[in-house]
Protein backbone atom coordinates (compact mmCIF):
# COMPACT_ATOMS: atom_id res chain seq x y z
CA MET A 1 83.82 102.83 71.60
CA THR A 2 85.62 101.44 68.59
CA GLU A 3 85.74 97.82 67.62
CA ARG A 4 89.24 97.58 69.06
CA TRP A 5 88.99 98.56 72.71
CA GLY A 6 92.50 98.11 73.84
CA GLN A 7 95.58 96.18 74.52
CA ARG A 8 97.68 95.90 77.58
CA GLU A 9 101.34 95.45 78.30
CA GLN A 10 101.88 92.71 80.87
CA SER A 11 105.63 92.90 81.18
CA GLY A 12 105.96 95.99 83.37
CA ARG A 13 108.17 97.67 80.73
CA ASP A 14 107.63 101.21 79.41
CA GLN A 15 104.03 102.11 78.66
CA ARG A 16 103.08 100.85 75.20
CA GLY A 17 99.87 100.53 73.30
CA TRP A 18 96.49 100.92 74.86
CA GLY A 19 97.20 99.70 78.36
CA HIS A 20 99.98 99.14 80.81
CA ARG A 21 100.67 97.38 84.05
CA GLY A 22 103.17 99.54 85.88
CA GLY A 23 105.80 98.39 88.28
CA LYS A 24 108.02 95.33 88.49
CA SER A 25 107.45 92.43 86.16
CA VAL A 26 106.40 89.27 87.96
CA TRP A 27 105.42 87.14 84.94
CA GLY A 28 107.42 83.96 84.39
CA THR A 29 109.54 84.40 87.50
CA GLU A 30 109.82 82.38 90.68
CA GLU A 31 107.68 85.05 92.32
CA SER A 32 104.78 84.42 89.92
CA GLN A 33 105.13 80.65 90.29
CA ARG A 34 104.36 81.02 94.00
CA ARG A 35 101.33 83.24 93.41
CA THR A 36 97.90 81.94 92.59
CA ARG A 37 96.25 85.30 91.95
CA LEU A 38 97.35 88.69 90.64
CA ASP A 39 95.15 91.77 90.95
CA SER A 40 96.01 94.61 88.63
CA THR A 41 94.94 97.71 86.71
CA TRP A 42 95.85 99.09 83.27
CA THR A 43 95.32 102.33 81.39
CA LEU A 44 92.90 102.26 78.42
CA TYR A 45 93.10 104.26 75.19
CA SER A 46 90.80 104.57 72.18
CA GLY A 47 91.44 102.36 69.14
CA ASP A 48 93.20 105.21 67.34
CA LEU A 49 95.34 105.86 70.47
CA GLN A 50 94.33 109.54 70.55
CA LYS A 51 92.11 109.51 73.67
CA ARG A 52 92.55 108.16 77.16
CA LEU A 53 89.36 106.31 78.07
CA GLY A 54 89.91 104.98 81.57
CA ILE A 55 91.25 101.86 83.23
CA THR A 56 90.80 98.13 83.51
CA ALA A 57 90.71 96.33 86.81
CA GLY A 58 91.11 92.61 86.95
CA MET A 59 92.37 89.42 88.39
CA CYS A 60 94.50 86.60 86.96
CA ILE A 61 94.35 83.10 88.43
CA LEU A 62 97.47 80.97 87.99
CA ILE A 63 96.60 77.63 86.38
CA GLU A 64 100.03 76.20 85.49
CA ASN A 65 103.71 77.18 85.14
CA LYS A 66 105.02 76.79 81.55
CA PRO A 67 108.85 76.74 81.82
CA GLU A 68 109.28 75.94 78.10
CA LYS A 69 107.50 79.23 77.30
CA LYS A 70 109.16 81.10 80.17
CA GLY A 71 105.74 82.05 81.50
CA ASP A 72 102.60 80.89 83.28
CA ARG A 73 99.13 79.86 82.09
CA TYR A 74 96.29 81.93 83.59
CA GLU A 75 92.60 82.55 83.41
CA ALA A 76 91.66 86.19 83.81
CA THR A 77 88.59 88.34 84.45
CA TYR A 78 88.68 92.08 83.76
CA SER A 79 86.34 95.05 83.90
CA PHE A 80 86.94 97.97 81.56
CA TYR A 81 85.85 101.40 82.86
CA PHE A 82 85.15 104.16 80.30
CA GLY A 83 84.16 107.28 82.25
CA ASP A 84 80.62 108.44 81.48
CA TYR A 85 80.29 105.71 78.83
CA GLY A 86 80.06 102.95 81.45
CA HIS A 87 81.94 99.66 81.67
CA ILE A 88 82.10 96.10 80.31
CA SER A 89 83.52 92.88 81.77
CA VAL A 90 85.33 90.05 79.98
CA LYS A 91 86.78 86.68 80.89
CA LEU A 92 89.90 85.34 79.16
CA HIS A 93 90.51 81.60 79.19
CA GLN A 94 93.87 79.86 79.25
CA ILE A 95 96.28 82.67 78.46
CA VAL A 96 100.08 82.37 78.76
CA PHE A 97 102.20 85.33 79.93
CA PRO A 98 104.42 87.20 79.33
CA PHE A 99 103.19 88.79 76.10
CA LYS A 100 101.12 91.73 74.90
CA LEU A 101 97.36 91.21 74.51
CA PHE A 102 95.16 92.91 71.94
CA TYR A 103 91.45 92.99 72.84
CA THR A 104 88.76 93.18 70.18
CA PHE A 105 85.10 93.55 71.15
CA TYR A 106 82.12 93.61 68.83
CA LEU A 107 79.21 95.40 70.43
CA LYS A 108 75.64 94.59 69.40
CA GLY A 109 72.28 96.02 70.39
CA ILE A 110 73.44 99.49 71.36
CA GLU A 111 72.84 102.86 69.73
CA ASP A 112 75.43 104.53 67.54
CA LEU A 113 78.69 105.15 69.35
CA PRO A 114 79.82 108.71 70.16
CA GLN A 115 81.91 110.31 67.42
CA GLU A 116 84.90 110.81 69.77
CA LEU A 117 85.26 107.02 70.00
CA LEU A 118 85.04 106.28 66.28
CA GLY A 119 88.61 106.97 65.15
CA LYS A 120 90.28 104.52 62.81
CA PRO A 121 91.85 101.81 64.99
CA VAL A 122 95.57 101.16 64.64
CA GLU A 123 96.68 97.71 63.59
CA PRO A 124 97.73 95.55 66.56
CA ASN A 125 101.50 95.75 66.87
CA PRO A 126 103.79 95.51 69.90
CA ALA A 127 105.39 98.86 68.97
CA VAL A 128 102.20 101.01 69.03
CA GLU A 129 102.13 104.01 71.37
CA PRO A 130 99.31 106.29 72.59
CA SER A 131 99.52 109.96 71.64
CA PRO A 132 101.59 112.13 74.01
CA ALA A 133 98.45 114.15 74.84
CA ALA A 134 96.55 110.99 75.84
CA LYS A 135 99.47 109.76 77.96
CA ALA A 136 99.57 113.14 79.72
CA CYS A 137 95.77 113.14 80.31
CA GLU A 138 95.35 116.49 78.55
CA PRO A 139 91.65 117.53 78.58
CA GLN A 140 91.19 117.27 74.79
CA ALA A 141 92.68 113.75 74.88
CA THR A 142 90.39 112.18 77.52
CA VAL A 143 86.72 111.20 77.59
CA THR A 144 84.37 112.91 80.05
CA ASN A 145 84.92 111.70 83.62
CA PHE A 146 87.47 109.09 82.62
CA THR A 147 88.67 106.87 85.45
CA ASP A 148 92.34 107.37 86.24
């Protein structure tokens, strides 16, 4: 794993960056204002966007509608699944959607990371894209037993 694990696109637009929630956007709409919980999954890529690592699975709890920001305030809990490398879980406090999130994790107390995960991470930017091979799940662009 690299220091930058991933990012996810919450808007339901084209796949961008390290993760994506497919389907119709529900953030900041009347539909999301009526919901109190959203379950979802996203695709994960390595920090250099060259390898597909797996998925996230998570849940957002609606705390408050923020009409001035055209979005909602949530708390979220997610698990990140990385094939044979295992998984980690995180909790995000008081986040407002819609926008793109960039996750950074600093891992301590573990052995050296596998070389395939140590690429130079791209700078967080809303325009970043995974490699075409990683998007297509080509064998050389995925980790062993990645979760799809």
